[in-house]
Protein backbone atom coordinates (compact mmCIF):
# COMPACT_ATOMS: atom_id res chain seq x y z
CA UNK A 1 0.00 0.00 0.00
CA UNK A 2 1.50 3.28 -1.11
CA UNK A 3 1.21 6.53 0.82
CA UNK A 4 -0.63 8.08 -2.14
CA UNK A 5 -3.34 5.42 -1.78
CA UNK A 6 -3.56 6.10 1.95
CA UNK A 7 -4.01 9.86 1.46
CA UNK A 8 -6.90 9.24 -0.94
CA UNK A 9 -8.83 7.14 1.61
CA UNK A 10 -11.63 8.61 3.68
CA UNK A 11 -11.44 8.77 7.46
CA UNK A 12 -13.84 5.86 7.91
CA UNK A 13 -11.92 3.77 5.40
CA UNK A 14 -8.68 4.45 7.27
CA UNK A 15 -10.13 3.23 10.55
CA UNK A 16 -11.67 0.14 8.93
CA UNK A 17 -8.43 -0.75 7.16
CA UNK A 18 -6.41 -0.35 10.39
CA UNK A 19 -8.72 -2.79 12.17
CA UNK A 20 -8.65 -5.21 9.23
CA UNK A 21 -4.85 -5.19 8.98
CA UNK A 22 -4.41 -5.49 12.75
CA UNK A 23 -6.55 -8.64 12.82
CA UNK A 24 -4.64 -10.00 9.82
CA UNK A 25 -1.34 -9.20 11.57
CA UNK A 26 -2.37 -11.10 14.70
CA UNK A 27 -3.39 -14.13 12.64
CA UNK A 28 -0.13 -14.10 10.69
CA UNK A 29 1.98 -13.89 13.84
CA UNK A 30 0.12 -16.82 15.38
CA UNK A 31 0.35 -18.85 12.18
CA UNK A 32 4.07 -18.14 12.00
CA UNK A 33 4.54 -19.33 15.57
CA UNK A 34 2.78 -22.63 14.87
CA UNK A 35 4.10 -23.31 11.38
CA UNK A 36 6.48 -21.07 9.50
CA UNK A 37 4.88 -18.89 6.87
CA UNK A 38 5.88 -19.27 3.26
CA UNK A 39 6.88 -15.59 3.18
CA UNK A 40 7.59 -14.26 6.70
CA UNK A 41 8.31 -10.81 5.26
CA UNK A 42 4.53 -10.40 4.93
CA UNK A 43 4.45 -9.71 8.67
CA UNK A 44 6.89 -6.83 8.28
CA UNK A 45 5.09 -5.36 5.26
CA UNK A 46 1.76 -5.57 7.06
CA UNK A 47 3.21 -3.84 10.13
CA UNK A 48 4.52 -1.00 7.95
CA UNK A 49 1.12 -0.63 6.24
CA UNK A 50 -0.52 -0.30 9.66
CA UNK A 51 2.03 2.35 10.62
CA UNK A 52 1.35 4.31 7.41
CA UNK A 53 -2.37 4.25 8.07
CA UNK A 54 -2.00 5.32 11.70
CA UNK A 55 0.37 8.13 10.72
CA UNK A 56 -2.12 9.48 8.18
CA UNK A 57 -4.96 9.16 10.70
CA UNK A 58 -3.01 11.10 13.32
CA UNK A 59 -2.04 13.79 10.79
CA UNK A 60 -5.70 14.26 9.87
CA UNK A 61 -6.71 14.50 13.52
CA UNK A 62 -4.10 17.17 14.16
CA UNK A 63 -5.17 19.29 11.20
CA UNK A 64 -8.88 19.00 12.00
PDB file of N, CA and C in Angstrom:
ATOM      1  N   UNK A   1       0.850  -1.171   0.000  1.00  0.00           N
ATOM      2  CA  UNK A   1       0.000   0.000   0.000  1.00  0.00           C
ATOM      3  C   UNK A   1       0.897   1.236   0.000  1.00  0.00           C
ATOM      4  N   UNK A   2       0.697   2.077  -0.956  1.00  0.00           N
ATOM      5  CA  UNK A   2       1.503   3.280  -1.108  1.00  0.00           C
ATOM      6  C   UNK A   2       0.878   4.427  -0.320  1.00  0.00           C
ATOM      7  N   UNK A   3       1.707   5.410   0.035  1.00  0.00           N
ATOM      8  CA  UNK A   3       1.210   6.534   0.819  1.00  0.00           C
ATOM      9  C   UNK A   3       0.201   7.358   0.015  1.00  0.00           C
ATOM     10  N   UNK A   4       0.335   7.360  -1.312  1.00  0.00           N
ATOM     11  CA  UNK A   4      -0.633   8.079  -2.139  1.00  0.00           C
ATOM     12  C   UNK A   4      -2.015   7.451  -1.997  1.00  0.00           C
ATOM     13  N   UNK A   5      -2.073   6.126  -1.960  1.00  0.00           N
ATOM     14  CA  UNK A   5      -3.345   5.423  -1.783  1.00  0.00           C
ATOM     15  C   UNK A   5      -3.944   5.740  -0.422  1.00  0.00           C
ATOM     16  N   UNK A   6      -3.089   5.835   0.583  1.00  0.00           N
ATOM     17  CA  UNK A   6      -3.559   6.099   1.945  1.00  0.00           C
ATOM     18  C   UNK A   6      -4.151   7.500   2.032  1.00  0.00           C
ATOM     19  N   UNK A   7      -3.525   8.479   1.391  1.00  0.00           N
ATOM     20  CA  UNK A   7      -4.015   9.857   1.457  1.00  0.00           C
ATOM     21  C   UNK A   7      -5.345  10.025   0.750  1.00  0.00           C
ATOM     22  N   UNK A   8      -5.640   9.150  -0.212  1.00  0.00           N
ATOM     23  CA  UNK A   8      -6.902   9.241  -0.941  1.00  0.00           C
ATOM     24  C   UNK A   8      -8.064   8.607  -0.184  1.00  0.00           C
ATOM     25  N   UNK A   9      -7.785   7.838   0.865  1.00  0.00           N
ATOM     26  CA  UNK A   9      -8.830   7.142   1.608  1.00  0.00           C
ATOM     27  C   UNK A   9      -9.578   8.117   2.517  1.00  0.00           C
ATOM     28  N   UNK A  10     -10.842   7.809   2.753  1.00  0.00           N
ATOM     29  CA  UNK A  10     -11.629   8.615   3.679  1.00  0.00           C
ATOM     30  C   UNK A  10     -11.279   8.221   5.117  1.00  0.00           C
ATOM     31  N   UNK A  11     -11.742   9.014   6.053  1.00  0.00           N
ATOM     32  CA  UNK A  11     -11.443   8.774   7.464  1.00  0.00           C
ATOM     33  C   UNK A  11     -12.003   7.438   7.929  1.00  0.00           C
ATOM     34  N   UNK A  12     -13.221   7.132   7.546  1.00  0.00           N
ATOM     35  CA  UNK A  12     -13.837   5.858   7.915  1.00  0.00           C
ATOM     36  C   UNK A  12     -13.107   4.678   7.311  1.00  0.00           C
ATOM     37  N   UNK A  13     -12.675   4.833   6.050  1.00  0.00           N
ATOM     38  CA  UNK A  13     -11.924   3.770   5.397  1.00  0.00           C
ATOM     39  C   UNK A  13     -10.594   3.518   6.099  1.00  0.00           C
ATOM     40  N   UNK A  14      -9.950   4.598   6.544  1.00  0.00           N
ATOM     41  CA  UNK A  14      -8.680   4.448   7.271  1.00  0.00           C
ATOM     42  C   UNK A  14      -8.866   3.614   8.529  1.00  0.00           C
ATOM     43  N   UNK A  15      -9.886   3.949   9.297  1.00  0.00           N
ATOM     44  CA  UNK A  15     -10.130   3.226  10.549  1.00  0.00           C
ATOM     45  C   UNK A  15     -10.474   1.759  10.292  1.00  0.00           C
ATOM     46  N   UNK A  16     -11.296   1.517   9.276  1.00  0.00           N
ATOM     47  CA  UNK A  16     -11.671   0.142   8.933  1.00  0.00           C
ATOM     48  C   UNK A  16     -10.449  -0.659   8.489  1.00  0.00           C
ATOM     49  N   UNK A  17      -9.609  -0.054   7.681  1.00  0.00           N
ATOM     50  CA  UNK A  17      -8.429  -0.746   7.158  1.00  0.00           C
ATOM     51  C   UNK A  17      -7.434  -1.037   8.284  1.00  0.00           C
ATOM     52  N   UNK A  18      -7.308  -0.120   9.243  1.00  0.00           N
ATOM     53  CA  UNK A  18      -6.415  -0.349  10.387  1.00  0.00           C
ATOM     54  C   UNK A  18      -6.889  -1.569  11.173  1.00  0.00           C
ATOM     55  N   UNK A  19      -8.172  -1.652  11.427  1.00  0.00           N
ATOM     56  CA  UNK A  19      -8.722  -2.791  12.168  1.00  0.00           C
ATOM     57  C   UNK A  19      -8.514  -4.079  11.383  1.00  0.00           C
ATOM     58  N   UNK A  20      -8.804  -4.024  10.088  1.00  0.00           N
ATOM     59  CA  UNK A  20      -8.653  -5.209   9.234  1.00  0.00           C
ATOM     60  C   UNK A  20      -7.210  -5.706   9.216  1.00  0.00           C
ATOM     61  N   UNK A  21      -6.258  -4.788   9.045  1.00  0.00           N
ATOM     62  CA  UNK A  21      -4.849  -5.187   8.982  1.00  0.00           C
ATOM     63  C   UNK A  21      -4.317  -5.642  10.341  1.00  0.00           C
ATOM     64  N   UNK A  22      -4.839  -5.076  11.421  1.00  0.00           N
ATOM     65  CA  UNK A  22      -4.408  -5.487  12.752  1.00  0.00           C
ATOM     66  C   UNK A  22      -4.838  -6.926  13.028  1.00  0.00           C
ATOM     67  N   UNK A  23      -6.061  -7.259  12.654  1.00  0.00           N
ATOM     68  CA  UNK A  23      -6.547  -8.637  12.820  1.00  0.00           C
ATOM     69  C   UNK A  23      -5.715  -9.587  11.954  1.00  0.00           C
ATOM     70  N   UNK A  24      -5.452  -9.180  10.725  1.00  0.00           N
ATOM     71  CA  UNK A  24      -4.640  -9.999   9.817  1.00  0.00           C
ATOM     72  C   UNK A  24      -3.239 -10.197  10.387  1.00  0.00           C
ATOM     73  N   UNK A  25      -2.683  -9.133  10.979  1.00  0.00           N
ATOM     74  CA  UNK A  25      -1.344  -9.200  11.574  1.00  0.00           C
ATOM     75  C   UNK A  25      -1.308 -10.217  12.717  1.00  0.00           C
ATOM     76  N   UNK A  26      -2.309 -10.164  13.580  1.00  0.00           N
ATOM     77  CA  UNK A  26      -2.372 -11.102  14.703  1.00  0.00           C
ATOM     78  C   UNK A  26      -2.443 -12.542  14.214  1.00  0.00           C
ATOM     79  N   UNK A  27      -3.260 -12.780  13.183  1.00  0.00           N
ATOM     80  CA  UNK A  27      -3.391 -14.131  12.636  1.00  0.00           C
ATOM     81  C   UNK A  27      -2.081 -14.611  12.017  1.00  0.00           C
ATOM     82  N   UNK A  28      -1.392 -13.706  11.322  1.00  0.00           N
ATOM     83  CA  UNK A  28      -0.129 -14.101  10.689  1.00  0.00           C
ATOM     84  C   UNK A  28       0.941 -14.421  11.730  1.00  0.00           C
ATOM     85  N   UNK A  29       0.994 -13.642  12.792  1.00  0.00           N
ATOM     86  CA  UNK A  29       1.981 -13.888  13.845  1.00  0.00           C
ATOM     87  C   UNK A  29       1.719 -15.231  14.505  1.00  0.00           C
ATOM     88  N   UNK A  30       0.449 -15.532  14.780  1.00  0.00           N
ATOM     89  CA  UNK A  30       0.119 -16.825  15.381  1.00  0.00           C
ATOM     90  C   UNK A  30       0.415 -17.978  14.429  1.00  0.00           C
ATOM     91  N   UNK A  31       0.086 -17.803  13.165  1.00  0.00           N
ATOM     92  CA  UNK A  31       0.353 -18.848  12.180  1.00  0.00           C
ATOM     93  C   UNK A  31       1.851 -19.078  12.032  1.00  0.00           C
ATOM     94  N   UNK A  32       2.622 -18.016  12.112  1.00  0.00           N
ATOM     95  CA  UNK A  32       4.073 -18.141  11.999  1.00  0.00           C
ATOM     96  C   UNK A  32       4.661 -18.839  13.215  1.00  0.00           C
ATOM     97  N   UNK A  33       4.043 -18.672  14.359  1.00  0.00           N
ATOM     98  CA  UNK A  33       4.538 -19.330  15.565  1.00  0.00           C
ATOM     99  C   UNK A  33       4.279 -20.836  15.511  1.00  0.00           C
ATOM    100  N   UNK A  34       3.144 -21.215  14.949  1.00  0.00           N
ATOM    101  CA  UNK A  34       2.783 -22.626  14.866  1.00  0.00           C
ATOM    102  C   UNK A  34       3.543 -23.313  13.738  1.00  0.00           C
ATOM    103  N   UNK A  35       3.366 -22.803  12.541  1.00  0.00           N
ATOM    104  CA  UNK A  35       4.105 -23.315  11.380  1.00  0.00           C
ATOM    105  C   UNK A  35       4.648 -22.119  10.620  1.00  0.00           C
ATOM    106  N   UNK A  36       5.840 -22.204  10.170  1.00  0.00           N
ATOM    107  CA  UNK A  36       6.480 -21.075   9.502  1.00  0.00           C
ATOM    108  C   UNK A  36       5.717 -20.691   8.238  1.00  0.00           C
ATOM    109  N   UNK A  37       5.557 -19.390   8.054  1.00  0.00           N
ATOM    110  CA  UNK A  37       4.882 -18.888   6.870  1.00  0.00           C
ATOM    111  C   UNK A  37       5.768 -19.073   5.644  1.00  0.00           C
ATOM    112  N   UNK A  38       5.127 -19.140   4.497  1.00  0.00           N
ATOM    113  CA  UNK A  38       5.877 -19.266   3.259  1.00  0.00           C
ATOM    114  C   UNK A  38       6.725 -18.015   3.022  1.00  0.00           C
ATOM    115  N   UNK A  39       6.157 -16.853   3.338  1.00  0.00           N
ATOM    116  CA  UNK A  39       6.876 -15.592   3.184  1.00  0.00           C
ATOM    117  C   UNK A  39       6.746 -14.798   4.490  1.00  0.00           C
ATOM    118  N   UNK A  40       7.691 -14.964   5.416  1.00  0.00           N
ATOM    119  CA  UNK A  40       7.585 -14.259   6.695  1.00  0.00           C
ATOM    120  C   UNK A  40       7.744 -12.742   6.585  1.00  0.00           C
ATOM    121  N   UNK A  41       8.203 -12.251   5.438  1.00  0.00           N
ATOM    122  CA  UNK A  41       8.314 -10.806   5.261  1.00  0.00           C
ATOM    123  C   UNK A  41       6.942 -10.139   5.163  1.00  0.00           C
ATOM    124  N   UNK A  42       5.889 -10.940   4.953  1.00  0.00           N
ATOM    125  CA  UNK A  42       4.534 -10.397   4.930  1.00  0.00           C
ATOM    126  C   UNK A  42       4.198  -9.726   6.252  1.00  0.00           C
ATOM    127  N   UNK A  43       4.703 -10.277   7.341  1.00  0.00           N
ATOM    128  CA  UNK A  43       4.448  -9.706   8.668  1.00  0.00           C
ATOM    129  C   UNK A  43       5.027  -8.297   8.730  1.00  0.00           C
ATOM    130  N   UNK A  44       6.232  -8.131   8.251  1.00  0.00           N
ATOM    131  CA  UNK A  44       6.894  -6.829   8.283  1.00  0.00           C
ATOM    132  C   UNK A  44       6.171  -5.823   7.387  1.00  0.00           C
ATOM    133  N   UNK A  45       5.799  -6.256   6.185  1.00  0.00           N
ATOM    134  CA  UNK A  45       5.093  -5.364   5.258  1.00  0.00           C
ATOM    135  C   UNK A  45       3.743  -4.949   5.822  1.00  0.00           C
ATOM    136  N   UNK A  46       3.053  -5.873   6.463  1.00  0.00           N
ATOM    137  CA  UNK A  46       1.757  -5.570   7.063  1.00  0.00           C
ATOM    138  C   UNK A  46       1.912  -4.568   8.210  1.00  0.00           C
ATOM    139  N   UNK A  47       2.945  -4.753   9.009  1.00  0.00           N
ATOM    140  CA  UNK A  47       3.205  -3.840  10.128  1.00  0.00           C
ATOM    141  C   UNK A  47       3.483  -2.427   9.619  1.00  0.00           C
ATOM    142  N   UNK A  48       4.219  -2.319   8.517  1.00  0.00           N
ATOM    143  CA  UNK A  48       4.520  -1.004   7.948  1.00  0.00           C
ATOM    144  C   UNK A  48       3.268  -0.351   7.356  1.00  0.00           C
ATOM    145  N   UNK A  49       2.386  -1.162   6.758  1.00  0.00           N
ATOM    146  CA  UNK A  49       1.123  -0.629   6.243  1.00  0.00           C
ATOM    147  C   UNK A  49       0.274  -0.067   7.374  1.00  0.00           C
ATOM    148  N   UNK A  50       0.232  -0.781   8.492  1.00  0.00           N
ATOM    149  CA  UNK A  50      -0.522  -0.303   9.660  1.00  0.00           C
ATOM    150  C   UNK A  50       0.058   1.015  10.141  1.00  0.00           C
ATOM    151  N   UNK A  51       1.375   1.120  10.176  1.00  0.00           N
ATOM    152  CA  UNK A  51       2.032   2.353  10.617  1.00  0.00           C
ATOM    153  C   UNK A  51       1.703   3.514   9.680  1.00  0.00           C
ATOM    154  N   UNK A  52       1.705   3.263   8.366  1.00  0.00           N
ATOM    155  CA  UNK A  52       1.354   4.312   7.409  1.00  0.00           C
ATOM    156  C   UNK A  52      -0.068   4.816   7.637  1.00  0.00           C
ATOM    157  N   UNK A  53      -0.981   3.876   7.851  1.00  0.00           N
ATOM    158  CA  UNK A  53      -2.375   4.249   8.069  1.00  0.00           C
ATOM    159  C   UNK A  53      -2.545   5.052   9.358  1.00  0.00           C
ATOM    160  N   UNK A  54      -1.884   4.607  10.422  1.00  0.00           N
ATOM    161  CA  UNK A  54      -1.998   5.315  11.695  1.00  0.00           C
ATOM    162  C   UNK A  54      -1.368   6.700  11.622  1.00  0.00           C
ATOM    163  N   UNK A  55      -0.282   6.830  10.880  1.00  0.00           N
ATOM    164  CA  UNK A  55       0.370   8.128  10.716  1.00  0.00           C
ATOM    165  C   UNK A  55      -0.551   9.095   9.995  1.00  0.00           C
ATOM    166  N   UNK A  56      -1.188   8.638   8.931  1.00  0.00           N
ATOM    167  CA  UNK A  56      -2.119   9.485   8.180  1.00  0.00           C
ATOM    168  C   UNK A  56      -3.326   9.854   9.040  1.00  0.00           C
ATOM    169  N   UNK A  57      -3.824   8.897   9.813  1.00  0.00           N
ATOM    170  CA  UNK A  57      -4.961   9.163  10.698  1.00  0.00           C
ATOM    171  C   UNK A  57      -4.608  10.237  11.727  1.00  0.00           C
ATOM    172  N   UNK A  58      -3.448  10.124  12.323  1.00  0.00           N
ATOM    173  CA  UNK A  58      -3.006  11.100  13.320  1.00  0.00           C
ATOM    174  C   UNK A  58      -2.815  12.479  12.686  1.00  0.00           C
ATOM    175  N   UNK A  59      -2.250  12.519  11.479  1.00  0.00           N
ATOM    176  CA  UNK A  59      -2.039  13.793  10.793  1.00  0.00           C
ATOM    177  C   UNK A  59      -3.378  14.478  10.515  1.00  0.00           C
ATOM    178  N   UNK A  60      -4.372  13.695  10.118  1.00  0.00           N
ATOM    179  CA  UNK A  60      -5.695  14.265   9.871  1.00  0.00           C
ATOM    180  C   UNK A  60      -6.352  14.770  11.141  1.00  0.00           C
ATOM    181  N   UNK A  61      -6.129  14.061  12.244  1.00  0.00           N
ATOM    182  CA  UNK A  61      -6.706  14.498  13.521  1.00  0.00           C
ATOM    183  C   UNK A  61      -6.069  15.798  13.983  1.00  0.00           C
ATOM    184  N   UNK A  62      -4.783  15.963  13.738  1.00  0.00           N
ATOM    185  CA  UNK A  62      -4.098  17.174  14.164  1.00  0.00           C
ATOM    186  C   UNK A  62      -4.491  18.382  13.324  1.00  0.00           C
ATOM    187  N   UNK A  63      -4.783  18.156  12.054  1.00  0.00           N
ATOM    188  CA  UNK A  63      -5.173  19.287  11.195  1.00  0.00           C
ATOM    189  C   UNK A  63      -6.639  19.659  11.364  1.00  0.00           C
ATOM    190  N   UNK A  64      -7.434  18.744  11.846  1.00  0.00           N
ATOM    191  CA  UNK A  64      -8.875  19.002  12.001  1.00  0.00           C
ATOM    192  C   UNK A  64      -9.186  19.777  13.254  1.00  0.00           C
TER     193      UNK A  64
END
